[in-house]
Amino acid sequence: MVRDGLYYGVSLLVVAVIVYFGTHWISLTAIPFLLAVFFLIFFRDPDREIPAGPGLIVSPGDGKVEEAEWIETTAGARFRVSIFLSVFDVHVNRVPISGKVTLMEYREGQFLNAMSPESAILNEQTLIVIEDGENSVSFKQIAGLLARRIICNVKTGDVVQRGQRMGMIKFGSRVDVLMPADVELRVKPGDRVQGGKSILGVLPGYGEDTAKKSSYGRS
C-alpha cells in the first residue's frame, strides 16, 4: 500500500464514522466510506515476481496496450508501446530494464485524455532514459484527464534494476515505452499487462532463446 492511500483512506473512514454518529443517515455515511474504499484500492502496491533473464524489457505500469508501432524520433527509428492505465489499475510504476538513468526530465503540460495521441506530446510528463551499456530504453509517465500529480523517485545518474519501483501517476494516466526499432516484441494492442511482471519485448542480441526460457508474465 502506498502511504498516500492510508492517509486518504483512514481520513475518510474517520469522516464516515463522524457522519454516521452525527446523523445516523446511511446514505450520507456511504459517500465517505465508498471514497475511502476507492483510495485504499487505488493506492495498492502488490509485490510482483520480476522475470529473470538478460535482455528482457518489462512493463513500467499496469494497464491495456493501446498502441504498438514504429515511430521516427530525433535519435532515429524506435518502437513505441503505449499503455493506458484506468483508475482501477495499479498506478505504481516500475523500471523496465536494468541500467543507468542517463536522463530524467520533467515537462509541464496539459491534462488531455491519456488515450489521445496528442497527450504523449502535450500533457504533463516525465521522460526517463535508461542505458544498459549496449541499448537504450526510454519511457514516459504521462498525466491524464484526471491525473494531477506525477511522482518520479529516480534521477539522472541512478543505477536501477528491472522491476524496481520508481514512482506513480495519481489517477487515470498513460505510460509510453520507446525501445530499439529491432526489439523482439512480446505484446500487441489489446493485451493487458502488469508493471514489473509482463514482458514487453526482448532487446536486440538476445533473441528467441531468452524469451522462451522466461515467463512472459502477462495477466
N, C-alpha and C. Protein backbone atom coordinates (compact mmCIF):
# COMPACT_ATOMS: atom_id res chain seq x y z
N MET A 1 0.84 -1.20 0.00
CA MET A 1 0.00 0.00 0.00
C MET A 1 0.88 1.25 0.00
N VAL A 2 0.63 2.15 -0.96
CA VAL A 2 1.32 3.43 -0.97
C VAL A 2 0.82 4.26 0.21
N ARG A 3 1.73 4.97 0.85
CA ARG A 3 1.40 5.71 2.08
C ARG A 3 0.23 6.67 1.89
N ASP A 4 0.13 7.31 0.72
CA ASP A 4 -0.97 8.23 0.46
C ASP A 4 -2.32 7.55 0.60
N GLY A 5 -2.39 6.28 0.20
CA GLY A 5 -3.64 5.55 0.31
C GLY A 5 -4.11 5.42 1.74
N LEU A 6 -3.18 5.21 2.66
CA LEU A 6 -3.54 5.12 4.08
C LEU A 6 -4.02 6.48 4.59
N TYR A 7 -3.34 7.55 4.17
CA TYR A 7 -3.77 8.89 4.60
C TYR A 7 -5.20 9.18 4.17
N TYR A 8 -5.44 9.00 2.86
CA TYR A 8 -6.77 9.29 2.33
C TYR A 8 -7.81 8.33 2.89
N GLY A 9 -7.50 7.04 2.87
CA GLY A 9 -8.46 6.03 3.28
C GLY A 9 -8.85 6.13 4.73
N VAL A 10 -7.86 6.23 5.61
CA VAL A 10 -8.15 6.31 7.05
C VAL A 10 -8.88 7.61 7.37
N SER A 11 -8.47 8.71 6.75
CA SER A 11 -9.14 10.00 7.00
C SER A 11 -10.61 9.95 6.62
N LEU A 12 -10.90 9.35 5.48
CA LEU A 12 -12.29 9.26 5.03
C LEU A 12 -13.10 8.28 5.88
N LEU A 13 -12.46 7.23 6.37
CA LEU A 13 -13.17 6.32 7.28
C LEU A 13 -13.54 7.04 8.57
N VAL A 14 -12.65 7.89 9.06
CA VAL A 14 -12.96 8.70 10.26
C VAL A 14 -14.13 9.62 9.98
N VAL A 15 -14.13 10.24 8.80
CA VAL A 15 -15.25 11.11 8.42
C VAL A 15 -16.55 10.31 8.37
N ALA A 16 -16.48 9.09 7.81
CA ALA A 16 -17.68 8.25 7.73
C ALA A 16 -18.23 7.94 9.12
N VAL A 17 -17.35 7.66 10.06
CA VAL A 17 -17.81 7.37 11.44
C VAL A 17 -18.46 8.61 12.05
N ILE A 18 -17.83 9.78 11.84
CA ILE A 18 -18.39 11.02 12.39
C ILE A 18 -19.76 11.31 11.79
N VAL A 19 -19.88 11.13 10.49
CA VAL A 19 -21.17 11.38 9.81
C VAL A 19 -22.24 10.43 10.32
N TYR A 20 -21.87 9.16 10.49
CA TYR A 20 -22.85 8.18 10.94
C TYR A 20 -23.38 8.50 12.33
N PHE A 21 -22.47 8.77 13.26
CA PHE A 21 -22.90 9.04 14.63
C PHE A 21 -23.53 10.42 14.77
N GLY A 22 -23.23 11.31 13.82
CA GLY A 22 -23.82 12.63 13.88
C GLY A 22 -25.19 12.72 13.23
N THR A 23 -25.44 11.85 12.24
CA THR A 23 -26.71 11.94 11.51
C THR A 23 -27.51 10.65 11.50
N HIS A 24 -26.81 9.52 11.63
CA HIS A 24 -27.42 8.19 11.51
C HIS A 24 -28.06 7.97 10.14
N TRP A 25 -27.57 8.70 9.16
CA TRP A 25 -28.04 8.53 7.78
C TRP A 25 -27.05 7.63 7.04
N ILE A 26 -27.51 6.47 6.66
CA ILE A 26 -26.65 5.53 5.95
C ILE A 26 -26.22 6.09 4.60
N SER A 27 -27.15 6.79 3.94
CA SER A 27 -26.85 7.31 2.61
C SER A 27 -25.71 8.33 2.65
N LEU A 28 -25.71 9.20 3.67
CA LEU A 28 -24.63 10.17 3.80
C LEU A 28 -23.33 9.50 4.22
N THR A 29 -23.43 8.51 5.09
CA THR A 29 -22.25 7.79 5.56
C THR A 29 -21.58 7.03 4.43
N ALA A 30 -22.39 6.56 3.48
CA ALA A 30 -21.86 5.75 2.39
C ALA A 30 -20.90 6.53 1.49
N ILE A 31 -21.08 7.86 1.39
CA ILE A 31 -20.23 8.64 0.49
C ILE A 31 -18.77 8.62 0.93
N PRO A 32 -18.43 9.06 2.16
CA PRO A 32 -17.01 8.99 2.56
C PRO A 32 -16.51 7.56 2.70
N PHE A 33 -17.40 6.61 3.05
CA PHE A 33 -16.97 5.22 3.17
C PHE A 33 -16.55 4.66 1.82
N LEU A 34 -17.34 4.89 0.78
CA LEU A 34 -17.01 4.39 -0.55
C LEU A 34 -15.76 5.07 -1.11
N LEU A 35 -15.61 6.36 -0.81
CA LEU A 35 -14.39 7.05 -1.24
C LEU A 35 -13.16 6.46 -0.55
N ALA A 36 -13.31 6.12 0.72
CA ALA A 36 -12.20 5.50 1.45
C ALA A 36 -11.81 4.18 0.82
N VAL A 37 -12.80 3.36 0.46
CA VAL A 37 -12.54 2.08 -0.17
C VAL A 37 -11.83 2.29 -1.51
N PHE A 38 -12.30 3.29 -2.27
CA PHE A 38 -11.69 3.58 -3.57
C PHE A 38 -10.21 3.93 -3.42
N PHE A 39 -9.89 4.82 -2.48
CA PHE A 39 -8.50 5.23 -2.30
C PHE A 39 -7.63 4.08 -1.81
N LEU A 40 -8.16 3.24 -0.94
CA LEU A 40 -7.39 2.10 -0.45
C LEU A 40 -7.08 1.12 -1.59
N ILE A 41 -8.04 0.96 -2.51
CA ILE A 41 -7.82 0.08 -3.66
C ILE A 41 -6.88 0.74 -4.66
N PHE A 42 -7.10 2.03 -4.92
CA PHE A 42 -6.30 2.72 -5.94
C PHE A 42 -4.82 2.74 -5.58
N PHE A 43 -4.50 2.96 -4.32
CA PHE A 43 -3.11 3.08 -3.91
C PHE A 43 -2.48 1.76 -3.50
N ARG A 44 -3.07 0.66 -3.93
CA ARG A 44 -2.47 -0.64 -3.62
C ARG A 44 -1.13 -0.78 -4.34
N ASP A 45 -0.25 -1.57 -3.76
CA ASP A 45 1.09 -1.75 -4.32
C ASP A 45 1.50 -3.20 -4.15
N PRO A 46 0.96 -4.09 -4.97
CA PRO A 46 1.25 -5.53 -4.80
C PRO A 46 2.68 -5.88 -5.16
N ASP A 47 3.21 -6.90 -4.49
CA ASP A 47 4.52 -7.42 -4.86
C ASP A 47 4.41 -8.13 -6.21
N ARG A 48 5.48 -8.11 -6.98
CA ARG A 48 5.48 -8.73 -8.29
C ARG A 48 6.71 -9.63 -8.43
N GLU A 49 6.54 -10.75 -9.13
CA GLU A 49 7.66 -11.62 -9.45
C GLU A 49 8.30 -11.10 -10.73
N ILE A 50 9.50 -10.56 -10.60
CA ILE A 50 10.18 -9.94 -11.74
C ILE A 50 10.84 -11.02 -12.60
N PRO A 51 10.55 -11.08 -13.91
CA PRO A 51 11.16 -12.09 -14.78
C PRO A 51 12.69 -12.00 -14.78
N ALA A 52 13.34 -13.16 -14.74
CA ALA A 52 14.81 -13.20 -14.79
C ALA A 52 15.25 -13.49 -16.22
N GLY A 53 16.45 -13.11 -16.55
CA GLY A 53 16.98 -13.39 -17.88
C GLY A 53 17.46 -12.11 -18.54
N PRO A 54 18.53 -12.18 -19.29
CA PRO A 54 19.10 -10.99 -19.93
C PRO A 54 18.24 -10.48 -21.08
N GLY A 55 18.23 -9.17 -21.25
CA GLY A 55 17.60 -8.57 -22.41
C GLY A 55 16.11 -8.37 -22.34
N LEU A 56 15.47 -8.71 -21.23
CA LEU A 56 14.02 -8.58 -21.14
C LEU A 56 13.62 -7.15 -20.77
N ILE A 57 12.57 -6.67 -21.41
CA ILE A 57 12.00 -5.36 -21.10
C ILE A 57 10.63 -5.59 -20.49
N VAL A 58 10.44 -5.16 -19.24
CA VAL A 58 9.15 -5.37 -18.59
C VAL A 58 8.32 -4.09 -18.63
N SER A 59 7.05 -4.25 -18.46
CA SER A 59 6.15 -3.11 -18.49
C SER A 59 6.38 -2.21 -17.28
N PRO A 60 6.41 -0.88 -17.48
CA PRO A 60 6.56 0.03 -16.35
C PRO A 60 5.25 0.26 -15.60
N GLY A 61 4.13 -0.23 -16.15
CA GLY A 61 2.86 0.00 -15.48
C GLY A 61 1.82 -1.04 -15.82
N ASP A 62 0.76 -1.07 -15.01
CA ASP A 62 -0.39 -1.93 -15.26
C ASP A 62 -1.33 -1.24 -16.24
N GLY A 63 -2.02 -2.01 -17.05
CA GLY A 63 -3.00 -1.41 -17.93
C GLY A 63 -3.19 -2.18 -19.22
N LYS A 64 -3.72 -1.50 -20.21
CA LYS A 64 -4.04 -2.09 -21.50
C LYS A 64 -3.14 -1.48 -22.57
N VAL A 65 -2.54 -2.33 -23.39
CA VAL A 65 -1.72 -1.85 -24.51
C VAL A 65 -2.64 -1.26 -25.57
N GLU A 66 -2.48 0.04 -25.82
CA GLU A 66 -3.32 0.72 -26.80
C GLU A 66 -2.63 0.83 -28.16
N GLU A 67 -1.31 0.99 -28.15
CA GLU A 67 -0.56 1.14 -29.40
C GLU A 67 0.74 0.37 -29.31
N ALA A 68 1.18 -0.16 -30.43
CA ALA A 68 2.49 -0.79 -30.55
C ALA A 68 2.93 -0.55 -31.99
N GLU A 69 3.84 0.40 -32.18
CA GLU A 69 4.16 0.83 -33.53
C GLU A 69 5.56 1.43 -33.61
N TRP A 70 6.13 1.43 -34.83
CA TRP A 70 7.39 2.09 -35.07
C TRP A 70 7.14 3.58 -35.24
N ILE A 71 8.03 4.38 -34.70
CA ILE A 71 7.95 5.83 -34.86
C ILE A 71 9.34 6.36 -35.17
N GLU A 72 9.38 7.55 -35.76
CA GLU A 72 10.65 8.23 -36.02
C GLU A 72 10.88 9.29 -34.94
N THR A 73 12.06 9.29 -34.36
CA THR A 73 12.43 10.29 -33.35
C THR A 73 13.71 10.99 -33.80
N THR A 74 14.13 11.99 -33.05
CA THR A 74 15.37 12.69 -33.37
C THR A 74 16.58 11.76 -33.26
N ALA A 75 16.42 10.67 -32.50
CA ALA A 75 17.51 9.70 -32.33
C ALA A 75 17.39 8.54 -33.31
N GLY A 76 16.41 8.62 -34.23
CA GLY A 76 16.22 7.55 -35.20
C GLY A 76 14.94 6.77 -34.94
N ALA A 77 14.78 5.65 -35.64
CA ALA A 77 13.57 4.84 -35.52
C ALA A 77 13.54 4.15 -34.15
N ARG A 78 12.35 4.11 -33.55
CA ARG A 78 12.15 3.44 -32.28
C ARG A 78 10.82 2.71 -32.34
N PHE A 79 10.65 1.74 -31.44
CA PHE A 79 9.37 1.06 -31.34
C PHE A 79 8.69 1.52 -30.06
N ARG A 80 7.47 2.03 -30.21
CA ARG A 80 6.75 2.58 -29.06
C ARG A 80 5.58 1.69 -28.67
N VAL A 81 5.49 1.41 -27.38
CA VAL A 81 4.34 0.72 -26.81
C VAL A 81 3.67 1.68 -25.85
N SER A 82 2.38 1.94 -26.07
CA SER A 82 1.62 2.85 -25.21
C SER A 82 0.64 2.04 -24.36
N ILE A 83 0.65 2.29 -23.07
CA ILE A 83 -0.18 1.55 -22.12
C ILE A 83 -1.08 2.53 -21.38
N PHE A 84 -2.38 2.30 -21.44
CA PHE A 84 -3.34 3.16 -20.75
C PHE A 84 -3.70 2.57 -19.40
N LEU A 85 -3.60 3.39 -18.35
CA LEU A 85 -3.94 2.98 -17.00
C LEU A 85 -5.28 3.61 -16.62
N SER A 86 -6.28 2.79 -16.36
CA SER A 86 -7.55 3.32 -15.88
C SER A 86 -7.45 3.55 -14.37
N VAL A 87 -8.47 4.16 -13.79
CA VAL A 87 -8.45 4.43 -12.35
C VAL A 87 -8.51 3.14 -11.54
N PHE A 88 -8.82 2.01 -12.19
CA PHE A 88 -8.91 0.74 -11.48
C PHE A 88 -7.61 -0.05 -11.52
N ASP A 89 -6.62 0.42 -12.28
CA ASP A 89 -5.34 -0.27 -12.38
C ASP A 89 -4.40 0.17 -11.25
N VAL A 90 -3.40 -0.68 -10.96
CA VAL A 90 -2.33 -0.28 -10.06
C VAL A 90 -1.54 0.84 -10.72
N HIS A 91 -1.28 1.91 -9.98
CA HIS A 91 -0.61 3.07 -10.57
C HIS A 91 0.83 3.24 -10.13
N VAL A 92 1.37 2.30 -9.39
CA VAL A 92 2.79 2.32 -9.06
C VAL A 92 3.57 1.92 -10.31
N ASN A 93 4.56 2.72 -10.68
CA ASN A 93 5.35 2.46 -11.88
C ASN A 93 6.67 1.78 -11.53
N ARG A 94 7.19 1.00 -12.50
CA ARG A 94 8.41 0.23 -12.29
C ARG A 94 9.38 0.42 -13.45
N VAL A 95 10.64 0.14 -13.18
CA VAL A 95 11.71 0.32 -14.16
C VAL A 95 11.67 -0.82 -15.18
N PRO A 96 11.71 -0.52 -16.49
CA PRO A 96 11.60 -1.59 -17.50
C PRO A 96 12.86 -2.43 -17.71
N ILE A 97 14.05 -1.84 -17.55
CA ILE A 97 15.31 -2.60 -17.72
C ILE A 97 16.31 -2.17 -16.65
N SER A 98 17.28 -3.03 -16.40
CA SER A 98 18.38 -2.67 -15.50
C SER A 98 19.38 -1.80 -16.26
N GLY A 99 19.96 -0.84 -15.57
CA GLY A 99 20.95 0.01 -16.22
C GLY A 99 21.14 1.31 -15.47
N LYS A 100 21.65 2.29 -16.16
CA LYS A 100 21.91 3.60 -15.57
C LYS A 100 20.96 4.63 -16.17
N VAL A 101 20.38 5.46 -15.31
CA VAL A 101 19.50 6.53 -15.76
C VAL A 101 20.37 7.64 -16.33
N THR A 102 20.26 7.86 -17.63
CA THR A 102 21.07 8.90 -18.28
C THR A 102 20.30 10.21 -18.45
N LEU A 103 18.97 10.14 -18.24
CA LEU A 103 18.16 11.36 -18.32
C LEU A 103 16.87 11.17 -17.54
N MET A 104 16.53 12.17 -16.72
CA MET A 104 15.21 12.25 -16.09
C MET A 104 14.77 13.69 -16.25
N GLU A 105 13.74 13.87 -17.05
CA GLU A 105 13.31 15.22 -17.40
C GLU A 105 11.81 15.38 -17.15
N TYR A 106 11.45 16.40 -16.40
CA TYR A 106 10.04 16.70 -16.15
C TYR A 106 9.59 17.81 -17.08
N ARG A 107 8.41 17.63 -17.66
CA ARG A 107 7.87 18.64 -18.56
C ARG A 107 6.46 19.01 -18.12
N GLU A 108 6.23 20.30 -17.93
CA GLU A 108 4.88 20.77 -17.64
C GLU A 108 4.02 20.63 -18.89
N GLY A 109 2.71 20.58 -18.70
CA GLY A 109 1.85 20.43 -19.87
C GLY A 109 0.38 20.43 -19.52
N GLN A 110 -0.42 19.96 -20.46
CA GLN A 110 -1.85 19.94 -20.31
C GLN A 110 -2.31 18.62 -19.67
N PHE A 111 -3.63 18.47 -19.56
CA PHE A 111 -4.20 17.26 -18.98
C PHE A 111 -5.27 16.72 -19.93
N LEU A 112 -4.85 16.44 -21.17
CA LEU A 112 -5.76 15.86 -22.15
C LEU A 112 -6.05 14.41 -21.79
N ASN A 113 -7.09 13.85 -22.40
CA ASN A 113 -7.38 12.43 -22.21
C ASN A 113 -6.15 11.62 -22.58
N ALA A 114 -5.72 10.72 -21.67
CA ALA A 114 -4.49 9.96 -21.88
C ALA A 114 -4.57 9.03 -23.08
N MET A 115 -5.78 8.73 -23.58
CA MET A 115 -5.92 7.86 -24.73
C MET A 115 -5.72 8.62 -26.04
N SER A 116 -5.65 9.95 -25.94
CA SER A 116 -5.44 10.76 -27.13
C SER A 116 -3.96 10.74 -27.53
N PRO A 117 -3.65 10.55 -28.83
CA PRO A 117 -2.24 10.54 -29.27
C PRO A 117 -1.51 11.83 -28.91
N GLU A 118 -2.24 12.96 -28.88
CA GLU A 118 -1.60 14.24 -28.59
C GLU A 118 -1.10 14.32 -27.15
N SER A 119 -1.65 13.46 -26.26
CA SER A 119 -1.26 13.53 -24.86
C SER A 119 0.22 13.20 -24.66
N ALA A 120 0.79 12.37 -25.54
CA ALA A 120 2.20 11.98 -25.42
C ALA A 120 3.13 13.17 -25.64
N ILE A 121 2.61 14.22 -26.29
CA ILE A 121 3.42 15.40 -26.58
C ILE A 121 3.02 16.58 -25.70
N LEU A 122 1.70 16.76 -25.52
CA LEU A 122 1.19 17.98 -24.89
C LEU A 122 0.97 17.87 -23.39
N ASN A 123 0.78 16.66 -22.86
CA ASN A 123 0.45 16.53 -21.44
C ASN A 123 1.65 16.65 -20.53
N GLU A 124 1.38 16.95 -19.26
CA GLU A 124 2.43 16.92 -18.23
C GLU A 124 3.04 15.52 -18.21
N GLN A 125 4.36 15.44 -18.09
CA GLN A 125 5.01 14.13 -18.18
C GLN A 125 6.43 14.15 -17.65
N THR A 126 6.94 12.97 -17.36
CA THR A 126 8.37 12.82 -17.09
C THR A 126 8.93 11.86 -18.14
N LEU A 127 10.16 12.12 -18.57
CA LEU A 127 10.86 11.26 -19.51
C LEU A 127 12.07 10.68 -18.79
N ILE A 128 12.18 9.36 -18.79
CA ILE A 128 13.30 8.67 -18.17
C ILE A 128 13.99 7.83 -19.23
N VAL A 129 15.31 7.99 -19.36
CA VAL A 129 16.10 7.20 -20.31
C VAL A 129 17.07 6.33 -19.52
N ILE A 130 17.09 5.02 -19.84
CA ILE A 130 17.96 4.07 -19.16
C ILE A 130 18.83 3.38 -20.19
N GLU A 131 20.12 3.30 -19.93
CA GLU A 131 21.05 2.61 -20.81
C GLU A 131 21.70 1.45 -20.07
N ASP A 132 21.83 0.31 -20.76
CA ASP A 132 22.43 -0.87 -20.13
C ASP A 132 23.84 -1.14 -20.65
N GLY A 133 24.40 -0.20 -21.36
CA GLY A 133 25.73 -0.36 -21.94
C GLY A 133 25.71 -0.56 -23.43
N GLU A 134 24.67 -1.26 -23.94
CA GLU A 134 24.55 -1.51 -25.36
C GLU A 134 23.26 -0.95 -25.95
N ASN A 135 22.22 -0.93 -25.14
CA ASN A 135 20.92 -0.49 -25.61
C ASN A 135 20.37 0.62 -24.72
N SER A 136 19.43 1.36 -25.28
CA SER A 136 18.77 2.44 -24.56
C SER A 136 17.26 2.23 -24.62
N VAL A 137 16.61 2.31 -23.48
CA VAL A 137 15.15 2.23 -23.41
C VAL A 137 14.66 3.45 -22.64
N SER A 138 13.70 4.14 -23.19
CA SER A 138 13.14 5.30 -22.51
C SER A 138 11.65 5.09 -22.29
N PHE A 139 11.14 5.73 -21.27
CA PHE A 139 9.70 5.66 -21.03
C PHE A 139 9.20 6.95 -20.42
N LYS A 140 7.93 7.21 -20.64
CA LYS A 140 7.30 8.43 -20.15
C LYS A 140 6.18 8.09 -19.17
N GLN A 141 6.12 8.84 -18.10
CA GLN A 141 4.93 8.87 -17.24
C GLN A 141 4.12 10.05 -17.72
N ILE A 142 2.92 9.80 -18.22
CA ILE A 142 2.11 10.86 -18.82
C ILE A 142 0.83 11.07 -18.03
N ALA A 143 0.61 12.29 -17.59
CA ALA A 143 -0.62 12.61 -16.85
C ALA A 143 -1.82 12.49 -17.77
N GLY A 144 -2.98 12.15 -17.20
CA GLY A 144 -4.20 12.02 -17.98
C GLY A 144 -5.20 13.10 -17.65
N LEU A 145 -6.44 12.85 -18.01
CA LEU A 145 -7.51 13.83 -17.79
C LEU A 145 -7.73 14.09 -16.31
N LEU A 146 -7.62 13.04 -15.49
CA LEU A 146 -7.84 13.18 -14.05
C LEU A 146 -6.54 13.31 -13.26
N ALA A 147 -5.44 12.85 -13.85
CA ALA A 147 -4.17 12.87 -13.12
C ALA A 147 -3.71 14.31 -12.89
N ARG A 148 -3.25 14.57 -11.70
CA ARG A 148 -2.76 15.90 -11.38
C ARG A 148 -1.41 15.88 -10.68
N ARG A 149 -0.82 14.71 -10.58
CA ARG A 149 0.50 14.65 -9.94
C ARG A 149 1.26 13.43 -10.41
N ILE A 150 2.47 13.66 -10.90
CA ILE A 150 3.36 12.58 -11.29
C ILE A 150 4.49 12.51 -10.28
N ILE A 151 4.75 11.33 -9.78
CA ILE A 151 5.84 11.12 -8.82
C ILE A 151 6.91 10.28 -9.49
N CYS A 152 8.15 10.78 -9.49
CA CYS A 152 9.29 10.05 -10.05
C CYS A 152 10.40 10.04 -9.01
N ASN A 153 10.81 8.87 -8.56
CA ASN A 153 11.79 8.74 -7.49
C ASN A 153 13.19 8.38 -7.97
N VAL A 154 13.43 8.49 -9.28
CA VAL A 154 14.78 8.25 -9.79
C VAL A 154 15.31 9.55 -10.39
N LYS A 155 16.62 9.64 -10.50
CA LYS A 155 17.24 10.84 -11.06
C LYS A 155 18.40 10.44 -11.95
N THR A 156 18.84 11.38 -12.74
CA THR A 156 19.96 11.13 -13.63
C THR A 156 21.18 10.65 -12.84
N GLY A 157 21.78 9.57 -13.32
CA GLY A 157 22.95 9.01 -12.65
C GLY A 157 22.65 7.80 -11.79
N ASP A 158 21.37 7.58 -11.46
CA ASP A 158 21.00 6.42 -10.64
C ASP A 158 21.22 5.12 -11.40
N VAL A 159 21.64 4.08 -10.69
CA VAL A 159 21.72 2.74 -11.24
C VAL A 159 20.47 1.99 -10.75
N VAL A 160 19.69 1.48 -11.68
CA VAL A 160 18.39 0.88 -11.33
C VAL A 160 18.33 -0.58 -11.79
N GLN A 161 17.38 -1.30 -11.21
CA GLN A 161 17.19 -2.71 -11.53
C GLN A 161 15.82 -2.93 -12.17
N ARG A 162 15.75 -3.86 -13.10
CA ARG A 162 14.50 -4.20 -13.76
C ARG A 162 13.42 -4.52 -12.71
N GLY A 163 12.24 -3.89 -12.88
CA GLY A 163 11.13 -4.14 -11.98
C GLY A 163 11.13 -3.32 -10.71
N GLN A 164 12.16 -2.53 -10.51
CA GLN A 164 12.26 -1.68 -9.31
C GLN A 164 11.16 -0.63 -9.32
N ARG A 165 10.54 -0.39 -8.17
CA ARG A 165 9.55 0.67 -8.07
C ARG A 165 10.25 2.02 -8.27
N MET A 166 9.62 2.91 -9.06
CA MET A 166 10.27 4.19 -9.34
C MET A 166 9.34 5.39 -9.21
N GLY A 167 8.07 5.16 -8.89
CA GLY A 167 7.15 6.28 -8.75
C GLY A 167 5.73 5.87 -9.06
N MET A 168 4.88 6.86 -9.33
CA MET A 168 3.50 6.56 -9.69
C MET A 168 2.86 7.79 -10.33
N ILE A 169 1.72 7.56 -10.97
CA ILE A 169 0.91 8.64 -11.51
C ILE A 169 -0.44 8.55 -10.81
N LYS A 170 -0.85 9.63 -10.20
CA LYS A 170 -2.10 9.58 -9.44
C LYS A 170 -3.30 9.75 -10.37
N PHE A 171 -4.12 8.72 -10.41
CA PHE A 171 -5.35 8.61 -11.18
C PHE A 171 -5.08 8.33 -12.66
N GLY A 172 -6.15 8.32 -13.49
CA GLY A 172 -6.03 7.82 -14.86
C GLY A 172 -4.84 8.42 -15.60
N SER A 173 -4.11 7.60 -16.35
CA SER A 173 -2.87 8.08 -16.94
C SER A 173 -2.39 7.14 -18.03
N ARG A 174 -1.12 7.32 -18.44
CA ARG A 174 -0.57 6.56 -19.55
C ARG A 174 0.95 6.46 -19.39
N VAL A 175 1.51 5.34 -19.83
CA VAL A 175 2.97 5.22 -19.91
C VAL A 175 3.32 4.80 -21.33
N ASP A 176 4.33 5.45 -21.88
CA ASP A 176 4.86 5.11 -23.20
C ASP A 176 6.27 4.56 -23.03
N VAL A 177 6.58 3.48 -23.72
CA VAL A 177 7.91 2.89 -23.68
C VAL A 177 8.50 2.92 -25.08
N LEU A 178 9.69 3.50 -25.22
CA LEU A 178 10.38 3.56 -26.51
C LEU A 178 11.57 2.62 -26.46
N MET A 179 11.56 1.63 -27.36
CA MET A 179 12.57 0.58 -27.39
C MET A 179 13.32 0.61 -28.72
N PRO A 180 14.46 -0.08 -28.82
CA PRO A 180 15.15 -0.16 -30.11
C PRO A 180 14.20 -0.65 -31.21
N ALA A 181 14.39 -0.16 -32.42
CA ALA A 181 13.49 -0.48 -33.52
C ALA A 181 13.46 -1.97 -33.84
N ASP A 182 14.55 -2.68 -33.56
CA ASP A 182 14.61 -4.11 -33.88
C ASP A 182 14.36 -4.99 -32.65
N VAL A 183 13.64 -4.45 -31.67
CA VAL A 183 13.25 -5.22 -30.49
C VAL A 183 12.36 -6.39 -30.90
N GLU A 184 12.44 -7.51 -30.18
CA GLU A 184 11.52 -8.62 -30.40
C GLU A 184 10.30 -8.39 -29.51
N LEU A 185 9.22 -7.94 -30.11
CA LEU A 185 8.04 -7.53 -29.37
C LEU A 185 7.28 -8.74 -28.83
N ARG A 186 6.75 -8.63 -27.62
CA ARG A 186 6.01 -9.72 -26.98
C ARG A 186 4.59 -9.33 -26.60
N VAL A 187 4.14 -8.16 -27.02
CA VAL A 187 2.76 -7.74 -26.74
C VAL A 187 2.15 -7.16 -28.01
N LYS A 188 0.85 -7.00 -27.97
CA LYS A 188 0.13 -6.40 -29.09
C LYS A 188 -1.01 -5.56 -28.54
N PRO A 189 -1.57 -4.64 -29.33
CA PRO A 189 -2.69 -3.84 -28.86
C PRO A 189 -3.83 -4.72 -28.35
N GLY A 190 -4.38 -4.33 -27.22
CA GLY A 190 -5.45 -5.10 -26.59
C GLY A 190 -5.00 -5.97 -25.44
N ASP A 191 -3.68 -6.24 -25.36
CA ASP A 191 -3.16 -7.06 -24.26
C ASP A 191 -3.22 -6.29 -22.95
N ARG A 192 -3.47 -7.02 -21.86
CA ARG A 192 -3.37 -6.47 -20.51
C ARG A 192 -2.00 -6.81 -19.96
N VAL A 193 -1.34 -5.83 -19.33
CA VAL A 193 0.00 -6.03 -18.79
C VAL A 193 0.05 -5.61 -17.34
N GLN A 194 1.06 -6.14 -16.63
CA GLN A 194 1.29 -5.79 -15.24
C GLN A 194 2.69 -5.22 -15.09
N GLY A 195 2.79 -4.12 -14.34
CA GLY A 195 4.07 -3.47 -14.14
C GLY A 195 5.08 -4.35 -13.44
N GLY A 196 6.29 -4.42 -14.01
CA GLY A 196 7.36 -5.19 -13.43
C GLY A 196 7.31 -6.67 -13.71
N LYS A 197 6.20 -7.14 -14.27
CA LYS A 197 6.00 -8.57 -14.46
C LYS A 197 5.84 -8.96 -15.93
N SER A 198 5.01 -8.24 -16.65
CA SER A 198 4.75 -8.57 -18.05
C SER A 198 5.91 -8.14 -18.94
N ILE A 199 6.33 -9.01 -19.83
CA ILE A 199 7.43 -8.72 -20.74
C ILE A 199 6.90 -8.04 -22.00
N LEU A 200 7.42 -6.85 -22.29
CA LEU A 200 7.02 -6.13 -23.49
C LEU A 200 7.84 -6.57 -24.70
N GLY A 201 9.09 -6.89 -24.48
CA GLY A 201 9.95 -7.28 -25.60
C GLY A 201 11.30 -7.76 -25.12
N VAL A 202 12.13 -8.16 -26.09
CA VAL A 202 13.49 -8.63 -25.82
C VAL A 202 14.45 -7.75 -26.60
N LEU A 203 15.46 -7.24 -25.91
CA LEU A 203 16.42 -6.35 -26.55
C LEU A 203 17.19 -7.06 -27.67
N PRO A 204 17.65 -6.31 -28.67
CA PRO A 204 18.43 -6.91 -29.76
C PRO A 204 19.67 -7.63 -29.21
N GLY A 205 19.97 -8.78 -29.81
CA GLY A 205 21.15 -9.52 -29.41
C GLY A 205 20.89 -10.65 -28.45
N TYR A 206 19.66 -10.75 -27.96
CA TYR A 206 19.34 -11.81 -27.00
C TYR A 206 18.48 -12.89 -27.63
N GLY A 207 17.56 -12.53 -28.49
CA GLY A 207 16.87 -13.48 -29.35
C GLY A 207 15.81 -14.35 -28.70
N GLU A 208 15.33 -15.29 -29.50
CA GLU A 208 14.21 -16.14 -29.11
C GLU A 208 14.52 -17.03 -27.91
N ASP A 209 15.74 -17.51 -27.77
CA ASP A 209 16.06 -18.42 -26.67
C ASP A 209 15.77 -17.80 -25.32
N THR A 210 16.17 -16.54 -25.16
CA THR A 210 15.92 -15.85 -23.90
C THR A 210 14.44 -15.74 -23.63
N ALA A 211 13.68 -15.38 -24.67
CA ALA A 211 12.25 -15.19 -24.49
C ALA A 211 11.56 -16.49 -24.12
N LYS A 212 11.99 -17.61 -24.73
CA LYS A 212 11.34 -18.90 -24.47
C LYS A 212 11.64 -19.41 -23.06
N LYS A 213 12.84 -19.09 -22.55
CA LYS A 213 13.22 -19.59 -21.25
C LYS A 213 12.61 -18.77 -20.10
N SER A 214 12.01 -17.63 -20.43
CA SER A 214 11.49 -16.73 -19.40
C SER A 214 9.96 -16.69 -19.43
N SER A 215 9.36 -16.43 -18.30
CA SER A 215 7.90 -16.30 -18.22
C SER A 215 7.50 -14.94 -18.76
N TYR A 216 6.52 -14.92 -19.61
CA TYR A 216 6.07 -13.64 -20.15
C TYR A 216 5.34 -12.83 -19.10
N GLY A 217 4.65 -13.46 -18.18
CA GLY A 217 4.00 -12.77 -17.08
C GLY A 217 2.82 -11.91 -17.47
N ARG A 218 2.20 -12.18 -18.61
CA ARG A 218 1.02 -11.37 -18.96
C ARG A 218 -0.14 -11.75 -18.06
N SER A 219 -0.97 -10.73 -17.77
CA SER A 219 -2.17 -11.00 -16.98
C SER A 219 -3.29 -11.42 -17.88
